[in-house]
Amino acid sequence: MKRALGNLERQLFAYAQMRNLRVLRTRDLTGPLGISGKQERELLNRLAKASMIAQVRRGLYLVPPRLPLGGMWSPDEALALDTLMNDRQGRYQICGPNAFNRYGFDQQIPTRVYAYNNRVSGERTVGAVALTLIKVAAERLGDTEQVRTAEGLTAVYSSRVRTLVDAVYDWSRFNSLPRAFGWVRAELDSGRVATGELVRITLRYGDIGTIRRIGAFLDRADVAPTFLSKLQRALAPSSSLIAWNPVRPKRGTLDPRWGVVWNDSA
């Protein structure tokens, strides 16, 4: 049911539309609307609870360019992330299940938006957008592509090849192994991803386990020795072993070159 607007609510939307404002902060309205700080807080809280504006954090709100039919509104994913990251002067890239779906690796549509970023960790909700924010070092951000949204904004996604590497690197968070090995195989076979680019991004953004698993995979795929040598040079001598499929017991044939136990089919 459409909520009836009071005088203050109408003034807020009229002021925001006149000034072309998408973001409101505490104290933005006290002067223009001639209200106290307490009245402003109550007004913003009222509208946020009615889903007519969206709270990004305490004291920071997103406002629609115009009231939608029915009165309820929520920002899209790009606007929610952009506003949150700009407020913290940070960077982000959408990753994990959202990127898996974007590139056709997984048909399941996530109910949350997963994003690596260099400022915030934890779960947030902005309007109807549920966010899982994964804080990483600034140097772990990169290799992205920009996507224009229906709202005319730009969303930043991990690239196709970066997404494959992350599916191996961050497998426990994204529940992506052993499925990711099938995605890597399909992308290499189709030519959508080049072996050299996969190796480069693995060395740039992977850890030791990622390098070992992808190295063992490419070794079995009989790629050119130069690619395997690049990966092997990044590994220090070690007697430790890891499982090819980390969700299964570490029992199977040992690959001594990569320190990988083949405990599942490749």
C-alpha atoms as a PDB file:
ATOM      1  CA  MET A   1       0.000   0.000   0.000  1.00  0.00           C
ATOM      2  CA  LYS A   2       1.332   3.422  -0.903  1.00  0.00           C
ATOM      3  CA  ARG A   3       2.286   5.430   2.170  1.00  0.00           C
ATOM      4  CA  ALA A   4       0.792   8.907   2.492  1.00  0.00           C
ATOM      5  CA  LEU A   5       3.482  11.573   2.662  1.00  0.00           C
ATOM      6  CA  GLY A   6       3.452  14.189   5.378  1.00  0.00           C
ATOM      7  CA  ASN A   7       4.494  17.778   4.867  1.00  0.00           C
ATOM      8  CA  LEU A   8       8.125  17.194   5.872  1.00  0.00           C
ATOM      9  CA  GLU A   9       8.416  14.125   3.668  1.00  0.00           C
ATOM     10  CA  ARG A  10       7.110  16.068   0.675  1.00  0.00           C
ATOM     11  CA  GLN A  11       9.561  18.880   1.392  1.00  0.00           C
ATOM     12  CA  LEU A  12      12.486  16.429   1.580  1.00  0.00           C
ATOM     13  CA  PHE A  13      11.718  14.841  -1.799  1.00  0.00           C
ATOM     14  CA  ALA A  14      11.025  18.198  -3.419  1.00  0.00           C
ATOM     15  CA  TYR A  15      14.323  19.591  -2.102  1.00  0.00           C
ATOM     16  CA  ALA A  16      16.313  16.515  -3.186  1.00  0.00           C
ATOM     17  CA  GLN A  17      14.748  16.554  -6.655  1.00  0.00           C
ATOM     18  CA  MET A  18      15.293  20.296  -7.089  1.00  0.00           C
ATOM     19  CA  ARG A  19      18.988  19.958  -6.118  1.00  0.00           C
ATOM     20  CA  ASN A  20      19.380  16.648  -7.990  1.00  0.00           C
ATOM     21  CA  LEU A  21      20.617  14.993  -4.793  1.00  0.00           C
ATOM     22  CA  ARG A  22      21.041  11.225  -4.571  1.00  0.00           C
ATOM     23  CA  VAL A  23      22.867  11.240  -1.224  1.00  0.00           C
ATOM     24  CA  LEU A  24      21.793  12.904   2.029  1.00  0.00           C
ATOM     25  CA  ARG A  25      23.901  13.226   5.157  1.00  0.00           C
ATOM     26  CA  THR A  26      23.068  14.279   8.677  1.00  0.00           C
ATOM     27  CA  ARG A  27      22.586  18.082   8.856  1.00  0.00           C
ATOM     28  CA  ASP A  28      21.905  18.402   5.118  1.00  0.00           C
ATOM     29  CA  LEU A  29      18.231  19.185   5.811  1.00  0.00           C
ATOM     30  CA  THR A  30      18.208  21.216   8.996  1.00  0.00           C
ATOM     31  CA  GLY A  31      18.861  24.514   7.212  1.00  0.00           C
ATOM     32  CA  PRO A  32      16.883  24.044   3.957  1.00  0.00           C
ATOM     33  CA  LEU A  33      13.814  22.597   5.736  1.00  0.00           C
ATOM     34  CA  GLY A  34      14.135  24.708   8.895  1.00  0.00           C
ATOM     35  CA  ILE A  35      14.023  21.705  11.227  1.00  0.00           C
ATOM     36  CA  SER A  36      16.044  20.604  14.247  1.00  0.00           C
ATOM     37  CA  GLY A  37      18.592  17.798  14.245  1.00  0.00           C
ATOM     38  CA  LYS A  38      16.135  15.614  16.173  1.00  0.00           C
ATOM     39  CA  GLN A  39      13.380  16.240  13.617  1.00  0.00           C
ATOM     40  CA  GLU A  40      15.782  15.451  10.787  1.00  0.00           C
ATOM     41  CA  ARG A  41      16.840  12.136  12.381  1.00  0.00           C
ATOM     42  CA  GLU A  42      13.226  11.134  12.922  1.00  0.00           C
ATOM     43  CA  LEU A  43      12.319  12.082   9.342  1.00  0.00           C
ATOM     44  CA  LEU A  44      15.163  10.098   7.807  1.00  0.00           C
ATOM     45  CA  ASN A  45      14.512   7.092  10.065  1.00  0.00           C
ATOM     46  CA  ARG A  46      10.829   7.156   9.191  1.00  0.00           C
ATOM     47  CA  LEU A  47      11.481   7.150   5.461  1.00  0.00           C
ATOM     48  CA  ALA A  48      14.172   4.479   5.699  1.00  0.00           C
ATOM     49  CA  LYS A  49      11.861   2.164   7.666  1.00  0.00           C
ATOM     50  CA  ALA A  50       9.178   2.726   5.028  1.00  0.00           C
ATOM     51  CA  SER A  51      11.715   1.776   2.298  1.00  0.00           C
ATOM     52  CA  MET A  52      11.297   5.135   0.609  1.00  0.00           C
ATOM     53  CA  ILE A  53      14.978   5.978   1.035  1.00  0.00           C
ATOM     54  CA  ALA A  54      17.876   3.623   1.816  1.00  0.00           C
ATOM     55  CA  GLN A  55      20.261   3.874   4.749  1.00  0.00           C
ATOM     56  CA  VAL A  56      23.879   3.225   3.766  1.00  0.00           C
ATOM     57  CA  ARG A  57      25.117   3.744   7.311  1.00  0.00           C
ATOM     58  CA  ARG A  58      24.004   5.841  10.243  1.00  0.00           C
ATOM     59  CA  GLY A  59      23.823   9.407   8.993  1.00  0.00           C
ATOM     60  CA  LEU A  60      24.133   8.558   5.283  1.00  0.00           C
ATOM     61  CA  TYR A  61      21.138   7.880   3.031  1.00  0.00           C
ATOM     62  CA  LEU A  62      20.349   7.313  -0.629  1.00  0.00           C
ATOM     63  CA  VAL A  63      17.343   9.058  -2.124  1.00  0.00           C
ATOM     64  CA  PRO A  64      15.528   8.058  -5.334  1.00  0.00           C
ATOM     65  CA  PRO A  65      15.503  10.569  -8.205  1.00  0.00           C
ATOM     66  CA  ARG A  66      11.725  10.344  -8.064  1.00  0.00           C
ATOM     67  CA  LEU A  67       9.275   8.391  -5.978  1.00  0.00           C
ATOM     68  CA  PRO A  68       8.455   5.072  -7.657  1.00  0.00           C
ATOM     69  CA  LEU A  69       4.980   3.651  -8.011  1.00  0.00           C
ATOM     70  CA  GLY A  70       3.869   2.270  -4.668  1.00  0.00           C
ATOM     71  CA  GLY A  71       6.299   4.509  -2.818  1.00  0.00           C
ATOM     72  CA  MET A  72       8.899   1.818  -2.040  1.00  0.00           C
ATOM     73  CA  TRP A  73      12.399   2.085  -3.508  1.00  0.00           C
ATOM     74  CA  SER A  74      15.797   0.448  -3.307  1.00  0.00           C
ATOM     75  CA  PRO A  75      19.096   1.316  -5.008  1.00  0.00           C
ATOM     76  CA  ASP A  76      20.684  -1.153  -7.398  1.00  0.00           C
ATOM     77  CA  GLU A  77      23.866  -3.027  -6.524  1.00  0.00           C
ATOM     78  CA  ALA A  78      26.216  -0.571  -8.230  1.00  0.00           C
ATOM     79  CA  LEU A  79      24.736   2.485  -6.499  1.00  0.00           C
ATOM     80  CA  ALA A  80      24.806   0.789  -3.101  1.00  0.00           C
ATOM     81  CA  LEU A  81      28.440  -0.287  -3.481  1.00  0.00           C
ATOM     82  CA  ASP A  82      29.611   2.968  -5.052  1.00  0.00           C
ATOM     83  CA  THR A  83      28.071   5.052  -2.276  1.00  0.00           C
ATOM     84  CA  LEU A  84      29.414   2.841   0.498  1.00  0.00           C
ATOM     85  CA  MET A  85      32.926   2.761  -0.969  1.00  0.00           C
ATOM     86  CA  ASN A  86      33.029   6.471  -1.838  1.00  0.00           C
ATOM     87  CA  ASP A  87      32.025   7.257   1.729  1.00  0.00           C
ATOM     88  CA  ARG A  88      35.008   5.216   2.958  1.00  0.00           C
ATOM     89  CA  GLN A  89      37.296   6.349   0.114  1.00  0.00           C
ATOM     90  CA  GLY A  90      37.746   2.748  -0.908  1.00  0.00           C
ATOM     91  CA  ARG A  91      37.678   0.507  -3.966  1.00  0.00           C
ATOM     92  CA  TYR A  92      35.705  -2.636  -4.666  1.00  0.00           C
ATOM     93  CA  GLN A  93      35.143  -5.355  -7.230  1.00  0.00           C
ATOM     94  CA  ILE A  94      32.187  -7.721  -7.362  1.00  0.00           C
ATOM     95  CA  CYS A  95      33.429 -11.289  -7.093  1.00  0.00           C
ATOM     96  CA  GLY A  96      32.542 -14.859  -6.155  1.00  0.00           C
ATOM     97  CA  PRO A  97      29.027 -16.160  -6.883  1.00  0.00           C
ATOM     98  CA  ASN A  98      27.989 -12.949  -8.677  1.00  0.00           C
ATOM     99  CA  ALA A  99      30.953 -13.165 -11.037  1.00  0.00           C
ATOM    100  CA  PHE A 100      30.444 -16.934 -11.470  1.00  0.00           C
ATOM    101  CA  ASN A 101      26.930 -16.204 -12.679  1.00  0.00           C
ATOM    102  CA  ARG A 102      27.941 -13.252 -14.848  1.00  0.00           C
ATOM    103  CA  TYR A 103      30.451 -15.308 -16.842  1.00  0.00           C
ATOM    104  CA  GLY A 104      28.178 -18.330 -17.121  1.00  0.00           C
ATOM    105  CA  PHE A 105      30.185 -20.615 -14.846  1.00  0.00           C
ATOM    106  CA  ASP A 106      27.225 -21.141 -12.524  1.00  0.00           C
ATOM    107  CA  GLN A 107      23.556 -20.638 -13.361  1.00  0.00           C
ATOM    108  CA  GLN A 108      22.494 -19.980  -9.777  1.00  0.00           C
ATOM    109  CA  ILE A 109      21.555 -16.340  -9.161  1.00  0.00           C
ATOM    110  CA  PRO A 110      22.997 -15.203  -5.804  1.00  0.00           C
ATOM    111  CA  THR A 111      20.741 -13.505  -3.279  1.00  0.00           C
ATOM    112  CA  ARG A 112      23.692 -11.481  -1.947  1.00  0.00           C
ATOM    113  CA  VAL A 113      26.348  -9.348  -3.600  1.00  0.00           C
ATOM    114  CA  TYR A 114      29.908 -10.433  -2.815  1.00  0.00           C
ATOM    115  CA  ALA A 115      32.605  -7.787  -3.169  1.00  0.00           C
ATOM    116  CA  TYR A 116      36.295  -7.614  -2.428  1.00  0.00           C
ATOM    117  CA  ASN A 117      37.212  -4.171  -1.114  1.00  0.00           C
ATOM    118  CA  ASN A 118      39.957  -2.428   0.826  1.00  0.00           C
ATOM    119  CA  ARG A 119      37.870  -0.802   3.556  1.00  0.00           C
ATOM    120  CA  VAL A 120      34.990  -2.805   5.052  1.00  0.00           C
ATOM    121  CA  SER A 121      34.482  -6.375   6.225  1.00  0.00           C
ATOM    122  CA  GLY A 122      31.185  -8.028   7.100  1.00  0.00           C
ATOM    123  CA  GLU A 123      27.592  -8.050   5.997  1.00  0.00           C
ATOM    124  CA  ARG A 124      25.624  -4.918   5.183  1.00  0.00           C
ATOM    125  CA  THR A 125      22.179  -4.156   3.821  1.00  0.00           C
ATOM    126  CA  VAL A 126      21.451  -1.055   1.752  1.00  0.00           C
ATOM    127  CA  GLY A 127      17.774  -0.928   0.900  1.00  0.00           C
ATOM    128  CA  ALA A 128      16.997  -4.364  -0.533  1.00  0.00           C
ATOM    129  CA  VAL A 129      20.644  -5.003  -1.502  1.00  0.00           C
ATOM    130  CA  ALA A 130      22.331  -7.554   0.777  1.00  0.00           C
ATOM    131  CA  LEU A 131      26.122  -7.225   0.698  1.00  0.00           C
ATOM    132  CA  THR A 132      28.920  -9.523   1.809  1.00  0.00           C
ATOM    133  CA  LEU A 133      31.985  -7.291   1.964  1.00  0.00           C
ATOM    134  CA  ILE A 134      35.378  -8.999   1.976  1.00  0.00           C
ATOM    135  CA  LYS A 135      38.192  -6.713   3.077  1.00  0.00           C
ATOM    136  CA  VAL A 136      41.508  -7.401   1.333  1.00  0.00           C
ATOM    137  CA  ALA A 137      44.806  -5.556   0.979  1.00  0.00           C
ATOM    138  CA  ALA A 138      44.692  -2.856  -1.700  1.00  0.00           C
ATOM    139  CA  GLU A 139      47.217  -4.774  -3.811  1.00  0.00           C
ATOM    140  CA  ARG A 140      44.825  -7.726  -4.038  1.00  0.00           C
ATOM    141  CA  LEU A 141      42.321  -5.568  -5.915  1.00  0.00           C
ATOM    142  CA  GLY A 142      42.697  -5.451  -9.676  1.00  0.00           C
ATOM    143  CA  ASP A 143      42.171  -7.190 -13.013  1.00  0.00           C
ATOM    144  CA  THR A 144      38.610  -5.986 -13.371  1.00  0.00           C
ATOM    145  CA  GLU A 145      36.084  -5.072 -15.991  1.00  0.00           C
ATOM    146  CA  GLN A 146      33.488  -2.324 -15.863  1.00  0.00           C
ATOM    147  CA  VAL A 147      29.854  -3.077 -16.607  1.00  0.00           C
ATOM    148  CA  ARG A 148      27.244  -0.449 -17.439  1.00  0.00           C
ATOM    149  CA  THR A 149      24.028  -1.000 -15.494  1.00  0.00           C
ATOM    150  CA  ALA A 150      20.444  -0.308 -16.557  1.00  0.00           C
ATOM    151  CA  GLU A 151      20.527   2.727 -14.258  1.00  0.00           C
ATOM    152  CA  GLY A 152      23.460   4.194 -16.180  1.00  0.00           C
ATOM    153  CA  LEU A 153      26.003   3.462 -13.444  1.00  0.00           C
ATOM    154  CA  THR A 154      29.230   1.496 -13.689  1.00  0.00           C
ATOM    155  CA  ALA A 155      29.645  -1.714 -11.710  1.00  0.00           C
ATOM    156  CA  VAL A 156      33.157  -3.116 -11.247  1.00  0.00           C
ATOM    157  CA  TYR A 157      33.527  -6.906 -11.585  1.00  0.00           C
ATOM    158  CA  SER A 158      36.527  -9.167 -11.298  1.00  0.00           C
ATOM    159  CA  SER A 159      37.572 -10.142 -14.826  1.00  0.00           C
ATOM    160  CA  ARG A 160      36.789 -13.555 -16.289  1.00  0.00           C
ATOM    161  CA  VAL A 161      40.287 -14.931 -15.656  1.00  0.00           C
ATOM    162  CA  ARG A 162      40.555 -13.309 -12.208  1.00  0.00           C
ATOM    163  CA  THR A 163      37.251 -14.946 -11.290  1.00  0.00           C
ATOM    164  CA  LEU A 164      38.642 -18.364 -12.222  1.00  0.00           C
ATOM    165  CA  VAL A 165      41.708 -17.805 -10.066  1.00  0.00           C
ATOM    166  CA  ASP A 166      39.575 -16.580  -7.158  1.00  0.00           C
ATOM    167  CA  ALA A 167      37.403 -19.695  -7.455  1.00  0.00           C
ATOM    168  CA  VAL A 168      40.515 -21.753  -6.666  1.00  0.00           C
ATOM    169  CA  TYR A 169      42.086 -19.283  -4.221  1.00  0.00           C
ATOM    170  CA  ASP A 170      38.929 -18.525  -2.189  1.00  0.00           C
ATOM    171  CA  TRP A 171      37.311 -21.935  -2.574  1.00  0.00           C
ATOM    172  CA  SER A 172      36.280 -22.295   1.085  1.00  0.00           C
ATOM    173  CA  ARG A 173      34.388 -18.985   1.069  1.00  0.00           C
ATOM    174  CA  PHE A 174      32.707 -19.542  -2.294  1.00  0.00           C
ATOM    175  CA  ASN A 175      32.311 -23.340  -2.093  1.00  0.00           C
ATOM    176  CA  SER A 176      33.826 -23.448  -5.581  1.00  0.00           C
ATOM    177  CA  LEU A 177      36.103 -26.502  -5.593  1.00  0.00           C
ATOM    178  CA  PRO A 178      36.172 -28.913  -7.305  1.00  0.00           C
ATOM    179  CA  ARG A 179      33.689 -27.214  -9.702  1.00  0.00           C
ATOM    180  CA  ALA A 180      36.207 -24.498 -10.572  1.00  0.00           C
ATOM    181  CA  PHE A 181      38.534 -26.981 -12.287  1.00  0.00           C
ATOM    182  CA  GLY A 182      35.776 -27.773 -14.779  1.00  0.00           C
ATOM    183  CA  TRP A 183      35.291 -24.048 -15.412  1.00  0.00           C
ATOM    184  CA  VAL A 184      39.023 -23.579 -16.018  1.00  0.00           C
ATOM    185  CA  ARG A 185      39.076 -26.511 -18.440  1.00  0.00           C
ATOM    186  CA  ALA A 186      36.084 -25.187 -20.387  1.00  0.00           C
ATOM    187  CA  GLU A 187      37.492 -21.656 -20.615  1.00  0.00           C
ATOM    188  CA  LEU A 188      40.877 -22.851 -21.856  1.00  0.00           C
ATOM    189  CA  ASP A 189      39.331 -25.288 -24.344  1.00  0.00           C
ATOM    190  CA  SER A 190      37.042 -22.587 -25.748  1.00  0.00           C
ATOM    191  CA  GLY A 191      39.838 -20.033 -26.058  1.00  0.00           C
ATOM    192  CA  ARG A 192      37.985 -17.481 -23.944  1.00  0.00           C
ATOM    193  CA  VAL A 193      40.937 -17.577 -21.534  1.00  0.00           C
ATOM    194  CA  ALA A 194      44.550 -17.923 -22.671  1.00  0.00           C
ATOM    195  CA  THR A 195      46.946 -20.144 -20.728  1.00  0.00           C
ATOM    196  CA  GLY A 196      49.504 -17.363 -20.426  1.00  0.00           C
ATOM    197  CA  GLU A 197      46.937 -14.988 -18.943  1.00  0.00           C
ATOM    198  CA  LEU A 198      45.761 -17.645 -16.467  1.00  0.00           C
ATOM    199  CA  VAL A 199      49.356 -18.182 -15.352  1.00  0.00           C
ATOM    200  CA  ARG A 200      49.988 -14.435 -15.017  1.00  0.00           C
ATOM    201  CA  ILE A 201      46.894 -13.810 -12.900  1.00  0.00           C
ATOM    202  CA  THR A 202      47.578 -16.924 -10.792  1.00  0.00           C
ATOM    203  CA  LEU A 203      51.050 -15.609  -9.949  1.00  0.00           C
ATOM    204  CA  ARG A 204      49.688 -12.112  -9.283  1.00  0.00           C
ATOM    205  CA  TYR A 205      46.680 -12.951  -7.117  1.00  0.00           C
ATOM    206  CA  GLY A 206      47.017 -16.579  -6.052  1.00  0.00           C
ATOM    207  CA  ASP A 207      48.649 -18.029  -2.965  1.00  0.00           C
ATOM    208  CA  ILE A 208      50.883 -21.113  -2.744  1.00  0.00           C
ATOM    209  CA  GLY A 209      47.922 -23.506  -2.719  1.00  0.00           C
ATOM    210  CA  THR A 210      46.408 -21.817  -5.772  1.00  0.00           C
ATOM    211  CA  ILE A 211      49.695 -21.993  -7.685  1.00  0.00           C
ATOM    212  CA  ARG A 212      50.116 -25.664  -6.808  1.00  0.00           C
ATOM    213  CA  ARG A 213      46.604 -26.680  -7.806  1.00  0.00           C
ATOM    214  CA  ILE A 214      46.564 -24.705 -11.057  1.00  0.00           C
ATOM    215  CA  GLY A 215      50.103 -25.866 -11.844  1.00  0.00           C
ATOM    216  CA  ALA A 216      49.110 -29.506 -11.340  1.00  0.00           C
ATOM    217  CA  PHE A 217      46.003 -28.968 -13.472  1.00  0.00           C
ATOM    218  CA  LEU A 218      47.964 -27.417 -16.348  1.00  0.00           C
ATOM    219  CA  ASP A 219      50.648 -30.095 -16.074  1.00  0.00           C
ATOM    220  CA  ARG A 220      48.005 -32.774 -16.635  1.00  0.00           C
ATOM    221  CA  ALA A 221      46.619 -30.712 -19.509  1.00  0.00           C
ATOM    222  CA  ASP A 222      50.024 -30.904 -21.252  1.00  0.00           C
ATOM    223  CA  VAL A 223      50.459 -27.150 -21.686  1.00  0.00           C
ATOM    224  CA  ALA A 224      53.774 -25.727 -22.895  1.00  0.00           C
ATOM    225  CA  PRO A 225      56.625 -26.272 -20.386  1.00  0.00           C
ATOM    226  CA  THR A 226      57.370 -22.539 -20.265  1.00  0.00           C
ATOM    227  CA  PHE A 227      54.045 -21.899 -18.519  1.00  0.00           C
ATOM    228  CA  LEU A 228      54.684 -24.639 -15.973  1.00  0.00           C
ATOM    229  CA  SER A 229      58.191 -23.338 -15.298  1.00  0.00           C
ATOM    230  CA  LYS A 230      56.834 -19.864 -14.469  1.00  0.00           C
ATOM    231  CA  LEU A 231      54.526 -21.364 -11.857  1.00  0.00           C
ATOM    232  CA  GLN A 232      57.145 -23.718 -10.452  1.00  0.00           C
ATOM    233  CA  ARG A 233      59.685 -20.925  -9.999  1.00  0.00           C
ATOM    234  CA  ALA A 234      57.236 -19.204  -7.635  1.00  0.00           C
ATOM    235  CA  LEU A 235      57.257 -22.206  -5.287  1.00  0.00           C
ATOM    236  CA  ALA A 236      59.909 -22.676  -2.609  1.00  0.00           C
ATOM    237  CA  PRO A 237      61.002 -26.262  -1.888  1.00  0.00           C
ATOM    238  CA  SER A 238      58.589 -27.838   0.576  1.00  0.00           C
ATOM    239  CA  SER A 239      57.673 -31.267   1.873  1.00  0.00           C
ATOM    240  CA  SER A 240      54.097 -30.264   2.734  1.00  0.00           C
ATOM    241  CA  LEU A 241      51.263 -31.728   0.692  1.00  0.00           C
ATOM    242  CA  ILE A 242      47.857 -30.375  -0.259  1.00  0.00           C
ATOM    243  CA  ALA A 243      44.796 -32.171  -1.593  1.00  0.00           C
ATOM    244  CA  TRP A 244      43.734 -31.570  -5.178  1.00  0.00           C
ATOM    245  CA  ASN A 245      40.142 -31.569  -3.942  1.00  0.00           C
ATOM    246  CA  PRO A 246      40.239 -29.945  -0.482  1.00  0.00           C
ATOM    247  CA  VAL A 247      36.755 -31.133   0.474  1.00  0.00           C
ATOM    248  CA  ARG A 248      37.782 -34.808   0.297  1.00  0.00           C
ATOM    249  CA  PRO A 249      40.243 -36.796   2.440  1.00  0.00           C
ATOM    250  CA  LYS A 250      43.876 -36.344   1.420  1.00  0.00           C
ATOM    251  CA  ARG A 251      44.322 -39.875   0.070  1.00  0.00           C
ATOM    252  CA  GLY A 252      45.448 -40.698  -3.457  1.00  0.00           C
ATOM    253  CA  THR A 253      48.358 -40.499  -5.858  1.00  0.00           C
ATOM    254  CA  LEU A 254      51.104 -38.008  -5.042  1.00  0.00           C
ATOM    255  CA  ASP A 255      52.299 -35.513  -7.653  1.00  0.00           C
ATOM    256  CA  PRO A 256      55.779 -34.679  -6.316  1.00  0.00           C
ATOM    257  CA  ARG A 257      56.351 -31.773  -8.702  1.00  0.00           C
ATOM    258  CA  TRP A 258      53.493 -29.748  -7.225  1.00  0.00           C
ATOM    259  CA  GLY A 259      53.080 -31.369  -3.822  1.00  0.00           C
ATOM    260  CA  VAL A 260      49.491 -32.252  -4.707  1.00  0.00           C
ATOM    261  CA  VAL A 261      47.665 -35.422  -3.714  1.00  0.00           C
ATOM    262  CA  TRP A 262      45.313 -36.473  -6.506  1.00  0.00           C
ATOM    263  CA  ASN A 263      42.315 -37.430  -4.396  1.00  0.00           C
ATOM    264  CA  ASP A 264      39.694 -36.781  -7.059  1.00  0.00           C
ATOM    265  CA  SER A 265      39.362 -36.954 -10.846  1.00  0.00           C
ATOM    266  CA  ALA A 266      40.893 -33.994 -12.695  1.00  0.00           C
END
